[in-house]
Amino acid sequence: MAQSTRRTALSVRHLVGIKDLTESDIQLILETASQFKEVINRPIKKSPRYAM
């Protein structure tokens, strides 16, 4: 079974455009947006990572 490696940072330092993004950069942005969408739709809008 192949293990996927999860990226946590873009290959570019500043995101001022999309011209220099790689396919994996775009995938990371879409996955991150999906996670934030789940947080926004919660009645209590706190991410479990930061909830105290």
N, C-alpha and C. Protein backbone atom coordinates (compact mmCIF):
# COMPACT_ATOMS: atom_id res chain seq x y z
N MET A 1 0.84 -1.18 0.00
CA MET A 1 0.00 0.00 0.00
C MET A 1 0.88 1.24 0.00
N ALA A 2 0.68 2.12 -0.93
CA ALA A 2 1.48 3.33 -1.06
C ALA A 2 1.04 4.36 -0.03
N GLN A 3 2.02 4.97 0.60
CA GLN A 3 1.73 6.00 1.58
C GLN A 3 1.89 7.36 0.91
N SER A 4 0.87 8.21 1.06
CA SER A 4 0.97 9.53 0.45
C SER A 4 1.65 10.49 1.42
N THR A 5 2.47 11.36 0.86
CA THR A 5 3.11 12.37 1.68
C THR A 5 2.29 13.64 1.57
N ARG A 6 1.99 14.24 2.69
CA ARG A 6 1.16 15.42 2.72
C ARG A 6 2.04 16.66 2.83
N ARG A 7 1.92 17.53 1.85
CA ARG A 7 2.69 18.77 1.86
C ARG A 7 2.01 19.80 2.74
N THR A 8 2.79 20.63 3.36
CA THR A 8 2.24 21.67 4.22
C THR A 8 2.67 23.06 3.81
N ALA A 9 3.47 23.17 2.75
CA ALA A 9 3.95 24.47 2.31
C ALA A 9 4.01 24.52 0.79
N LEU A 10 3.78 25.71 0.27
CA LEU A 10 3.87 25.91 -1.17
C LEU A 10 5.33 25.93 -1.60
N SER A 11 5.56 25.70 -2.87
CA SER A 11 6.92 25.73 -3.40
C SER A 11 7.40 27.17 -3.64
N VAL A 12 6.51 28.13 -3.55
CA VAL A 12 6.86 29.55 -3.70
C VAL A 12 6.74 30.24 -2.34
N ARG A 13 7.53 31.27 -2.13
CA ARG A 13 7.50 31.94 -0.83
C ARG A 13 6.28 32.85 -0.68
N HIS A 14 5.93 33.58 -1.74
CA HIS A 14 4.80 34.50 -1.70
C HIS A 14 3.85 34.15 -2.82
N LEU A 15 2.57 34.15 -2.53
CA LEU A 15 1.57 33.84 -3.54
C LEU A 15 1.01 35.15 -4.09
N VAL A 16 1.62 35.62 -5.17
CA VAL A 16 1.17 36.85 -5.81
C VAL A 16 0.54 36.57 -7.17
N GLY A 17 0.63 35.34 -7.59
CA GLY A 17 0.05 34.93 -8.87
C GLY A 17 0.07 33.42 -8.95
N ILE A 18 -0.53 32.89 -10.00
CA ILE A 18 -0.60 31.44 -10.12
C ILE A 18 0.33 30.88 -11.20
N LYS A 19 0.99 31.75 -11.90
CA LYS A 19 1.84 31.32 -13.02
C LYS A 19 2.95 30.35 -12.60
N ASP A 20 3.53 30.56 -11.44
CA ASP A 20 4.66 29.74 -11.00
C ASP A 20 4.26 28.57 -10.09
N LEU A 21 2.97 28.34 -9.89
CA LEU A 21 2.53 27.25 -9.03
C LEU A 21 2.67 25.91 -9.73
N THR A 22 3.00 24.91 -8.96
CA THR A 22 3.06 23.55 -9.48
C THR A 22 1.69 22.90 -9.29
N GLU A 23 1.52 21.75 -9.90
CA GLU A 23 0.26 21.01 -9.74
C GLU A 23 0.03 20.67 -8.27
N SER A 24 1.08 20.29 -7.56
CA SER A 24 0.91 19.95 -6.15
C SER A 24 0.61 21.18 -5.30
N ASP A 25 1.10 22.37 -5.69
CA ASP A 25 0.74 23.61 -5.00
C ASP A 25 -0.76 23.86 -5.11
N ILE A 26 -1.29 23.70 -6.31
CA ILE A 26 -2.72 23.94 -6.54
C ILE A 26 -3.54 22.93 -5.75
N GLN A 27 -3.10 21.68 -5.73
CA GLN A 27 -3.81 20.65 -4.97
C GLN A 27 -3.81 20.99 -3.48
N LEU A 28 -2.68 21.47 -2.96
CA LEU A 28 -2.59 21.86 -1.56
C LEU A 28 -3.55 23.01 -1.25
N ILE A 29 -3.63 23.99 -2.12
CA ILE A 29 -4.54 25.12 -1.92
C ILE A 29 -5.99 24.63 -1.89
N LEU A 30 -6.36 23.75 -2.80
CA LEU A 30 -7.73 23.25 -2.84
C LEU A 30 -8.07 22.40 -1.61
N GLU A 31 -7.13 21.59 -1.15
CA GLU A 31 -7.36 20.78 0.06
C GLU A 31 -7.50 21.67 1.28
N THR A 32 -6.67 22.70 1.38
CA THR A 32 -6.74 23.63 2.51
C THR A 32 -8.06 24.39 2.50
N ALA A 33 -8.50 24.81 1.33
CA ALA A 33 -9.78 25.51 1.22
C ALA A 33 -10.93 24.61 1.65
N SER A 34 -10.87 23.34 1.29
CA SER A 34 -11.90 22.39 1.69
C SER A 34 -11.97 22.25 3.20
N GLN A 35 -10.81 22.21 3.85
CA GLN A 35 -10.78 22.10 5.31
C GLN A 35 -11.36 23.36 5.96
N PHE A 36 -11.04 24.52 5.43
CA PHE A 36 -11.58 25.76 5.97
C PHE A 36 -13.09 25.85 5.74
N LYS A 37 -13.57 25.32 4.63
CA LYS A 37 -15.00 25.31 4.35
C LYS A 37 -15.74 24.52 5.43
N GLU A 38 -15.17 23.41 5.88
CA GLU A 38 -15.77 22.62 6.95
C GLU A 38 -15.84 23.44 8.24
N VAL A 39 -14.81 24.20 8.54
CA VAL A 39 -14.78 25.01 9.76
C VAL A 39 -15.83 26.11 9.67
N ILE A 40 -15.94 26.76 8.53
CA ILE A 40 -16.89 27.85 8.35
C ILE A 40 -18.32 27.37 8.54
N ASN A 41 -18.61 26.15 8.14
CA ASN A 41 -19.98 25.63 8.23
C ASN A 41 -20.34 25.08 9.60
N ARG A 42 -19.43 25.11 10.56
CA ARG A 42 -19.71 24.65 11.92
C ARG A 42 -20.47 25.71 12.70
N PRO A 43 -21.32 25.28 13.65
CA PRO A 43 -22.00 26.27 14.49
C PRO A 43 -21.02 27.05 15.36
N ILE A 44 -19.98 26.39 15.86
CA ILE A 44 -18.91 27.06 16.60
C ILE A 44 -17.69 27.03 15.69
N LYS A 45 -17.30 28.18 15.21
CA LYS A 45 -16.29 28.27 14.16
C LYS A 45 -14.87 28.27 14.71
N LYS A 46 -14.50 27.18 15.37
CA LYS A 46 -13.14 27.03 15.87
C LYS A 46 -12.57 25.74 15.31
N SER A 47 -11.36 25.83 14.87
CA SER A 47 -10.66 24.65 14.40
C SER A 47 -10.22 23.84 15.61
N PRO A 48 -10.38 22.52 15.59
CA PRO A 48 -9.97 21.72 16.75
C PRO A 48 -8.50 21.92 17.12
N ARG A 49 -7.68 22.26 16.15
CA ARG A 49 -6.26 22.46 16.40
C ARG A 49 -6.02 23.65 17.32
N TYR A 50 -6.86 24.67 17.21
CA TYR A 50 -6.64 25.89 17.98
C TYR A 50 -7.64 26.07 19.13
N ALA A 51 -8.61 25.19 19.23
CA ALA A 51 -9.61 25.31 20.30
C ALA A 51 -8.95 25.02 21.65
N MET A 52 -9.31 25.80 22.63
CA MET A 52 -8.75 25.59 23.97
C MET A 52 -9.85 25.31 24.96
